[in-house]
Amino acid sequence: MDNDALVAALGRDAATAVACYREQVVAEAARQGLGLLGGPLVDPIDIRLRIGPCRRRPWLAGRQLCWSPSTGWSITHRAGTPHAYYAGPSATPLAMVPTAVEVVRWAAGAIDGPAAPPFGVELDDDPRAIQRLLAMASGDPVALRTG
């Protein structure tokens, strides 16, 4: 599912849900002592965040996290091509929308994960993936942690 398809499926709720998803990931990172930098992009359906300086974990500084509905989350050591994806080629739609806790845990760990993005995975193939994304906009704390 690309950005246009997500907007077609969810309308205005798509941009709101993605913005809230971004805010939840930033808030969770802050709760864990990490600063994520980056504002809204030209396309409000994409997320791009960079881990800022961190005294306790300086090796994380500069890692870049990106999310789109077609690839899910990816991470790089610094700006450049993705080094790893959270969800790989055989991912399920729900794996494309992990909770904020799962995203930050993955981003702060060893950079691991598949080197190839998901292939042929559509978020709308599993209503739970769309529901998790929409729950970001509702601010439901249980849904945000557990999805």
N, C-alpha and C. Protein backbone atom coordinates (compact mmCIF):
# COMPACT_ATOMS: atom_id res chain seq x y z
N MET A 1 0.86 -1.17 0.00
CA MET A 1 0.00 0.00 0.00
C MET A 1 0.90 1.23 0.00
N ASP A 2 0.74 2.07 -1.01
CA ASP A 2 1.54 3.29 -1.05
C ASP A 2 0.78 4.42 -0.35
N ASN A 3 1.41 5.58 -0.30
CA ASN A 3 0.83 6.73 0.40
C ASN A 3 -0.53 7.12 -0.15
N ASP A 4 -0.64 7.15 -1.47
CA ASP A 4 -1.91 7.55 -2.09
C ASP A 4 -3.03 6.56 -1.75
N ALA A 5 -2.71 5.28 -1.72
CA ALA A 5 -3.72 4.27 -1.39
C ALA A 5 -4.17 4.40 0.07
N LEU A 6 -3.23 4.72 0.97
CA LEU A 6 -3.60 4.91 2.37
C LEU A 6 -4.53 6.10 2.52
N VAL A 7 -4.21 7.18 1.83
CA VAL A 7 -5.07 8.37 1.88
C VAL A 7 -6.44 8.05 1.27
N ALA A 8 -6.46 7.31 0.18
CA ALA A 8 -7.74 6.95 -0.45
C ALA A 8 -8.58 6.09 0.49
N ALA A 9 -7.92 5.22 1.24
CA ALA A 9 -8.66 4.33 2.13
C ALA A 9 -9.15 5.04 3.40
N LEU A 10 -8.34 5.95 3.93
CA LEU A 10 -8.67 6.56 5.23
C LEU A 10 -9.02 8.03 5.17
N GLY A 11 -8.84 8.67 4.02
CA GLY A 11 -9.14 10.09 3.91
C GLY A 11 -8.24 10.91 4.82
N ARG A 12 -8.81 11.96 5.40
CA ARG A 12 -8.03 12.85 6.29
C ARG A 12 -7.48 12.12 7.50
N ASP A 13 -8.14 11.06 7.89
CA ASP A 13 -7.66 10.30 9.05
C ASP A 13 -6.27 9.73 8.83
N ALA A 14 -5.88 9.52 7.58
CA ALA A 14 -4.56 8.96 7.29
C ALA A 14 -3.45 9.89 7.79
N ALA A 15 -3.51 11.16 7.42
CA ALA A 15 -2.47 12.11 7.83
C ALA A 15 -2.47 12.30 9.34
N THR A 16 -3.64 12.35 9.93
CA THR A 16 -3.74 12.51 11.38
C THR A 16 -3.16 11.29 12.09
N ALA A 17 -3.51 10.10 11.63
CA ALA A 17 -3.01 8.88 12.25
C ALA A 17 -1.50 8.79 12.15
N VAL A 18 -0.92 9.12 10.99
CA VAL A 18 0.53 9.05 10.82
C VAL A 18 1.22 10.10 11.69
N ALA A 19 0.67 11.30 11.76
CA ALA A 19 1.25 12.34 12.62
C ALA A 19 1.23 11.90 14.08
N CYS A 20 0.15 11.30 14.51
CA CYS A 20 0.05 10.82 15.90
C CYS A 20 0.98 9.64 16.14
N TYR A 21 1.14 8.78 15.14
CA TYR A 21 2.08 7.65 15.24
C TYR A 21 3.48 8.20 15.47
N ARG A 22 3.86 9.19 14.67
CA ARG A 22 5.16 9.84 14.82
C ARG A 22 5.32 10.39 16.23
N GLU A 23 4.31 11.11 16.72
CA GLU A 23 4.36 11.69 18.06
C GLU A 23 4.50 10.62 19.13
N GLN A 24 3.83 9.49 18.96
CA GLN A 24 3.93 8.41 19.94
C GLN A 24 5.33 7.82 19.97
N VAL A 25 5.95 7.66 18.81
CA VAL A 25 7.32 7.13 18.76
C VAL A 25 8.29 8.13 19.40
N VAL A 26 8.13 9.40 19.11
CA VAL A 26 8.99 10.43 19.71
C VAL A 26 8.82 10.45 21.23
N ALA A 27 7.58 10.38 21.70
CA ALA A 27 7.31 10.39 23.15
C ALA A 27 7.90 9.15 23.83
N GLU A 28 7.77 8.00 23.20
CA GLU A 28 8.32 6.78 23.79
C GLU A 28 9.85 6.85 23.84
N ALA A 29 10.46 7.39 22.79
CA ALA A 29 11.91 7.54 22.78
C ALA A 29 12.34 8.47 23.92
N ALA A 30 11.64 9.58 24.10
CA ALA A 30 11.96 10.51 25.18
C ALA A 30 11.82 9.82 26.54
N ARG A 31 10.79 9.00 26.69
CA ARG A 31 10.60 8.26 27.94
C ARG A 31 11.78 7.34 28.22
N GLN A 32 12.41 6.86 27.17
CA GLN A 32 13.57 5.97 27.31
C GLN A 32 14.90 6.72 27.25
N GLY A 33 14.84 8.05 27.28
CA GLY A 33 16.06 8.86 27.32
C GLY A 33 16.68 9.14 25.97
N LEU A 34 15.94 8.98 24.90
CA LEU A 34 16.46 9.26 23.56
C LEU A 34 15.72 10.44 22.96
N GLY A 35 16.44 11.29 22.28
CA GLY A 35 15.81 12.38 21.56
C GLY A 35 15.71 12.05 20.08
N LEU A 36 14.50 12.11 19.55
CA LEU A 36 14.30 11.91 18.12
C LEU A 36 13.99 13.26 17.51
N LEU A 37 14.70 13.61 16.46
CA LEU A 37 14.56 14.89 15.80
C LEU A 37 13.97 14.71 14.43
N GLY A 38 13.16 15.67 14.02
CA GLY A 38 12.58 15.64 12.69
C GLY A 38 11.13 16.04 12.74
N GLY A 39 10.77 16.89 11.84
CA GLY A 39 9.40 17.37 11.80
C GLY A 39 8.64 16.74 10.67
N PRO A 40 7.43 17.21 10.45
CA PRO A 40 6.63 16.69 9.35
C PRO A 40 7.33 16.91 8.01
N LEU A 41 7.17 15.97 7.13
CA LEU A 41 7.77 16.06 5.79
C LEU A 41 6.80 16.71 4.83
N VAL A 42 7.24 16.86 3.60
CA VAL A 42 6.37 17.38 2.56
C VAL A 42 5.16 16.46 2.41
N ASP A 43 5.41 15.16 2.45
CA ASP A 43 4.33 14.18 2.38
C ASP A 43 3.97 13.78 3.80
N PRO A 44 2.79 14.14 4.28
CA PRO A 44 2.44 13.85 5.68
C PRO A 44 2.23 12.37 5.99
N ILE A 45 2.34 11.52 4.99
CA ILE A 45 2.15 10.09 5.21
C ILE A 45 3.49 9.40 5.46
N ASP A 46 4.59 10.10 5.37
CA ASP A 46 5.91 9.54 5.65
C ASP A 46 6.41 10.07 6.99
N ILE A 47 7.23 9.27 7.66
CA ILE A 47 7.87 9.68 8.90
C ILE A 47 9.38 9.54 8.69
N ARG A 48 10.12 10.55 9.11
CA ARG A 48 11.58 10.51 9.06
C ARG A 48 12.10 11.15 10.34
N LEU A 49 12.80 10.38 11.16
CA LEU A 49 13.32 10.86 12.43
C LEU A 49 14.79 10.48 12.57
N ARG A 50 15.54 11.34 13.24
CA ARG A 50 16.96 11.06 13.47
C ARG A 50 17.19 11.04 14.98
N ILE A 51 17.98 10.08 15.44
CA ILE A 51 18.32 10.02 16.86
C ILE A 51 19.38 11.08 17.13
N GLY A 52 19.07 11.95 18.08
CA GLY A 52 19.98 13.03 18.44
C GLY A 52 21.07 12.55 19.40
N PRO A 53 21.94 13.47 19.81
CA PRO A 53 23.00 13.11 20.75
C PRO A 53 22.43 12.52 22.04
N CYS A 54 23.11 11.53 22.55
CA CYS A 54 22.67 10.84 23.77
C CYS A 54 23.89 10.48 24.59
N ARG A 55 24.00 11.05 25.78
CA ARG A 55 25.17 10.80 26.63
C ARG A 55 25.29 9.34 27.03
N ARG A 56 24.16 8.72 27.39
CA ARG A 56 24.21 7.33 27.85
C ARG A 56 24.49 6.34 26.73
N ARG A 57 24.08 6.69 25.50
CA ARG A 57 24.26 5.78 24.37
C ARG A 57 24.71 6.58 23.14
N PRO A 58 25.94 7.10 23.16
CA PRO A 58 26.38 7.97 22.06
C PRO A 58 26.44 7.28 20.70
N TRP A 59 26.58 5.98 20.67
CA TRP A 59 26.66 5.25 19.39
C TRP A 59 25.34 5.28 18.60
N LEU A 60 24.26 5.68 19.26
CA LEU A 60 22.98 5.75 18.56
C LEU A 60 22.80 7.05 17.78
N ALA A 61 23.55 8.07 18.14
CA ALA A 61 23.38 9.38 17.50
C ALA A 61 23.54 9.29 15.99
N GLY A 62 22.60 9.89 15.29
CA GLY A 62 22.66 9.94 13.83
C GLY A 62 21.88 8.84 13.13
N ARG A 63 21.48 7.83 13.85
CA ARG A 63 20.65 6.80 13.19
C ARG A 63 19.38 7.46 12.69
N GLN A 64 18.96 7.06 11.54
CA GLN A 64 17.75 7.63 10.96
C GLN A 64 16.68 6.56 10.82
N LEU A 65 15.49 6.89 11.33
CA LEU A 65 14.34 6.01 11.24
C LEU A 65 13.37 6.57 10.22
N CYS A 66 12.86 5.72 9.38
CA CYS A 66 11.88 6.14 8.37
C CYS A 66 10.71 5.16 8.38
N TRP A 67 9.51 5.69 8.11
CA TRP A 67 8.31 4.84 7.99
C TRP A 67 7.49 5.31 6.81
N SER A 68 6.98 4.36 6.08
CA SER A 68 5.99 4.62 5.04
C SER A 68 5.07 3.42 4.99
N PRO A 69 3.85 3.58 4.49
CA PRO A 69 2.92 2.44 4.47
C PRO A 69 3.35 1.32 3.52
N SER A 70 4.27 1.61 2.61
CA SER A 70 4.70 0.56 1.68
C SER A 70 5.88 -0.26 2.19
N THR A 71 6.67 0.30 3.13
CA THR A 71 7.84 -0.43 3.62
C THR A 71 7.85 -0.65 5.12
N GLY A 72 6.99 0.03 5.85
CA GLY A 72 7.07 -0.03 7.31
C GLY A 72 8.30 0.75 7.75
N TRP A 73 8.89 0.36 8.88
CA TRP A 73 10.05 1.06 9.43
C TRP A 73 11.36 0.56 8.83
N SER A 74 12.27 1.49 8.59
CA SER A 74 13.64 1.16 8.19
C SER A 74 14.58 2.01 9.03
N ILE A 75 15.83 1.60 9.09
CA ILE A 75 16.82 2.32 9.88
C ILE A 75 18.15 2.33 9.13
N THR A 76 18.87 3.43 9.28
CA THR A 76 20.21 3.56 8.71
C THR A 76 21.17 3.97 9.82
N HIS A 77 22.46 3.72 9.59
CA HIS A 77 23.47 4.20 10.54
C HIS A 77 23.50 5.72 10.53
N ARG A 78 23.50 6.30 9.41
CA ARG A 78 23.45 7.74 9.19
C ARG A 78 22.56 7.93 7.97
N ALA A 79 22.46 9.14 7.45
CA ALA A 79 21.65 9.35 6.25
C ALA A 79 22.20 8.46 5.13
N GLY A 80 21.33 7.85 4.41
CA GLY A 80 21.73 6.96 3.33
C GLY A 80 20.66 5.94 3.05
N THR A 81 21.03 4.90 2.36
CA THR A 81 20.06 3.86 2.05
C THR A 81 19.77 3.04 3.30
N PRO A 82 18.57 2.49 3.40
CA PRO A 82 18.23 1.70 4.58
C PRO A 82 19.20 0.54 4.79
N HIS A 83 19.57 0.35 6.03
CA HIS A 83 20.45 -0.75 6.40
C HIS A 83 19.63 -1.98 6.79
N ALA A 84 18.48 -1.74 7.42
CA ALA A 84 17.64 -2.84 7.87
C ALA A 84 16.19 -2.38 7.94
N TYR A 85 15.29 -3.34 7.81
CA TYR A 85 13.86 -3.08 7.91
C TYR A 85 13.33 -3.82 9.13
N TYR A 86 12.33 -3.23 9.77
CA TYR A 86 11.69 -3.89 10.89
C TYR A 86 10.95 -5.13 10.40
N ALA A 87 10.25 -4.98 9.31
CA ALA A 87 9.48 -6.07 8.71
C ALA A 87 10.14 -6.43 7.37
N GLY A 88 10.37 -7.69 7.15
CA GLY A 88 11.04 -8.11 5.93
C GLY A 88 10.11 -8.56 4.83
N PRO A 89 10.67 -9.22 3.83
CA PRO A 89 9.90 -9.60 2.64
C PRO A 89 8.66 -10.44 2.92
N SER A 90 8.68 -11.24 3.97
CA SER A 90 7.52 -12.10 4.25
C SER A 90 6.69 -11.57 5.43
N ALA A 91 6.74 -10.27 5.65
CA ALA A 91 6.05 -9.65 6.78
C ALA A 91 4.53 -9.75 6.66
N THR A 92 3.89 -9.61 7.80
CA THR A 92 2.44 -9.50 7.84
C THR A 92 2.10 -8.01 7.89
N PRO A 93 0.88 -7.63 7.53
CA PRO A 93 0.52 -6.21 7.60
C PRO A 93 0.68 -5.62 9.01
N LEU A 94 0.39 -6.39 10.03
CA LEU A 94 0.50 -5.90 11.40
C LEU A 94 1.96 -5.58 11.77
N ALA A 95 2.91 -6.32 11.20
CA ALA A 95 4.33 -6.05 11.46
C ALA A 95 4.79 -4.73 10.84
N MET A 96 4.01 -4.19 9.93
CA MET A 96 4.36 -2.93 9.29
C MET A 96 4.00 -1.73 10.18
N VAL A 97 3.19 -1.97 11.22
CA VAL A 97 2.76 -0.91 12.13
C VAL A 97 3.02 -1.37 13.57
N PRO A 98 4.30 -1.56 13.94
CA PRO A 98 4.58 -1.97 15.32
C PRO A 98 4.23 -0.85 16.29
N THR A 99 4.07 -1.20 17.55
CA THR A 99 3.78 -0.18 18.56
C THR A 99 5.00 0.73 18.72
N ALA A 100 4.79 1.88 19.33
CA ALA A 100 5.89 2.82 19.57
C ALA A 100 6.97 2.18 20.43
N VAL A 101 6.58 1.40 21.42
CA VAL A 101 7.54 0.70 22.28
C VAL A 101 8.40 -0.23 21.44
N GLU A 102 7.78 -0.98 20.55
CA GLU A 102 8.53 -1.92 19.69
C GLU A 102 9.48 -1.18 18.76
N VAL A 103 9.05 -0.05 18.20
CA VAL A 103 9.90 0.72 17.29
C VAL A 103 11.14 1.22 18.02
N VAL A 104 10.95 1.81 19.19
CA VAL A 104 12.09 2.38 19.93
C VAL A 104 13.02 1.28 20.42
N ARG A 105 12.47 0.18 20.88
CA ARG A 105 13.32 -0.95 21.32
C ARG A 105 14.19 -1.42 20.16
N TRP A 106 13.61 -1.54 18.97
CA TRP A 106 14.35 -1.97 17.79
C TRP A 106 15.39 -0.94 17.40
N ALA A 107 15.02 0.34 17.39
CA ALA A 107 15.92 1.40 16.95
C ALA A 107 17.10 1.59 17.89
N ALA A 108 16.91 1.32 19.17
CA ALA A 108 17.97 1.52 20.15
C ALA A 108 18.85 0.28 20.32
N GLY A 109 18.48 -0.80 19.69
CA GLY A 109 19.25 -2.03 19.79
C GLY A 109 20.28 -2.13 18.68
N ALA A 110 20.81 -3.32 18.53
CA ALA A 110 21.73 -3.58 17.42
C ALA A 110 20.93 -3.43 16.13
N ILE A 111 21.53 -2.80 15.13
CA ILE A 111 20.82 -2.66 13.87
C ILE A 111 20.76 -4.04 13.23
N ASP A 112 19.57 -4.59 13.34
CA ASP A 112 19.36 -5.90 12.73
C ASP A 112 17.99 -5.88 12.06
N GLY A 113 17.72 -6.92 11.39
CA GLY A 113 16.47 -7.00 10.65
C GLY A 113 16.79 -7.31 9.20
N PRO A 114 15.79 -7.63 8.45
CA PRO A 114 16.00 -7.98 7.04
C PRO A 114 16.58 -6.80 6.25
N ALA A 115 17.40 -7.12 5.27
CA ALA A 115 17.99 -6.08 4.42
C ALA A 115 17.05 -5.68 3.29
N ALA A 116 15.99 -6.43 3.10
CA ALA A 116 15.03 -6.14 2.03
C ALA A 116 13.70 -5.73 2.66
N PRO A 117 13.00 -4.80 2.00
CA PRO A 117 11.70 -4.36 2.53
C PRO A 117 10.62 -5.42 2.30
N PRO A 118 9.48 -5.23 2.95
CA PRO A 118 8.36 -6.13 2.70
C PRO A 118 8.00 -6.13 1.22
N PHE A 119 7.55 -7.27 0.75
CA PHE A 119 7.18 -7.40 -0.66
C PHE A 119 5.75 -7.90 -0.75
N GLY A 120 4.91 -7.15 -1.45
CA GLY A 120 3.54 -7.56 -1.67
C GLY A 120 2.66 -7.51 -0.42
N VAL A 121 3.07 -6.73 0.58
CA VAL A 121 2.30 -6.62 1.81
C VAL A 121 1.47 -5.35 1.74
N GLU A 122 0.20 -5.47 2.00
CA GLU A 122 -0.70 -4.33 1.99
C GLU A 122 -1.28 -4.16 3.39
N LEU A 123 -1.19 -2.97 3.94
CA LEU A 123 -1.72 -2.73 5.28
C LEU A 123 -3.19 -3.11 5.38
N ASP A 124 -3.94 -2.85 4.34
CA ASP A 124 -5.38 -3.12 4.41
C ASP A 124 -5.74 -4.59 4.23
N ASP A 125 -4.73 -5.46 4.11
CA ASP A 125 -5.00 -6.90 4.08
C ASP A 125 -5.35 -7.43 5.47
N ASP A 126 -5.02 -6.67 6.50
CA ASP A 126 -5.34 -7.06 7.87
C ASP A 126 -5.97 -5.87 8.58
N PRO A 127 -7.25 -5.95 8.90
CA PRO A 127 -7.92 -4.81 9.55
C PRO A 127 -7.23 -4.38 10.85
N ARG A 128 -6.53 -5.32 11.52
CA ARG A 128 -5.84 -4.95 12.76
C ARG A 128 -4.72 -3.95 12.51
N ALA A 129 -4.07 -4.02 11.36
CA ALA A 129 -3.00 -3.06 11.05
C ALA A 129 -3.59 -1.66 10.87
N ILE A 130 -4.69 -1.56 10.15
CA ILE A 130 -5.35 -0.27 9.96
C ILE A 130 -5.89 0.23 11.29
N GLN A 131 -6.47 -0.65 12.08
CA GLN A 131 -7.00 -0.26 13.38
C GLN A 131 -5.90 0.25 14.30
N ARG A 132 -4.73 -0.40 14.27
CA ARG A 132 -3.62 0.07 15.11
C ARG A 132 -3.18 1.46 14.67
N LEU A 133 -3.10 1.68 13.37
CA LEU A 133 -2.71 3.00 12.88
C LEU A 133 -3.74 4.05 13.28
N LEU A 134 -5.01 3.73 13.11
CA LEU A 134 -6.06 4.68 13.49
C LEU A 134 -6.11 4.91 15.00
N ALA A 135 -5.73 3.91 15.79
CA ALA A 135 -5.71 4.06 17.24
C ALA A 135 -4.70 5.12 17.68
N MET A 136 -3.68 5.33 16.86
CA MET A 136 -2.70 6.36 17.18
C MET A 136 -3.38 7.73 17.27
N ALA A 137 -4.34 7.96 16.39
CA ALA A 137 -5.03 9.25 16.38
C ALA A 137 -6.01 9.38 17.53
N SER A 138 -6.50 8.25 18.05
CA SER A 138 -7.47 8.31 19.14
C SER A 138 -6.80 8.60 20.47
N GLY A 139 -5.50 8.29 20.56
CA GLY A 139 -4.79 8.53 21.81
C GLY A 139 -5.09 7.48 22.88
N ASP A 140 -5.72 6.36 22.52
CA ASP A 140 -6.02 5.30 23.47
C ASP A 140 -4.71 4.70 23.97
N PRO A 141 -4.35 4.91 25.26
CA PRO A 141 -3.05 4.46 25.76
C PRO A 141 -2.87 2.95 25.70
N VAL A 142 -3.92 2.18 25.87
CA VAL A 142 -3.79 0.72 25.80
C VAL A 142 -3.50 0.30 24.37
N ALA A 143 -4.22 0.86 23.43
CA ALA A 143 -4.00 0.51 22.02
C ALA A 143 -2.62 0.92 21.57
N LEU A 144 -2.11 2.03 22.08
CA LEU A 144 -0.81 2.51 21.65
C LEU A 144 0.32 1.61 22.15
N ARG A 145 0.15 1.00 23.32
CA ARG A 145 1.20 0.14 23.87
C ARG A 145 1.10 -1.28 23.35
N THR A 146 -0.12 -1.75 23.13
CA THR A 146 -0.28 -3.16 22.81
C THR A 146 -0.80 -3.42 21.41
N GLY A 147 -1.55 -2.46 20.87
CA GLY A 147 -2.11 -2.59 19.53
C GLY A 147 -2.96 -3.78 19.40
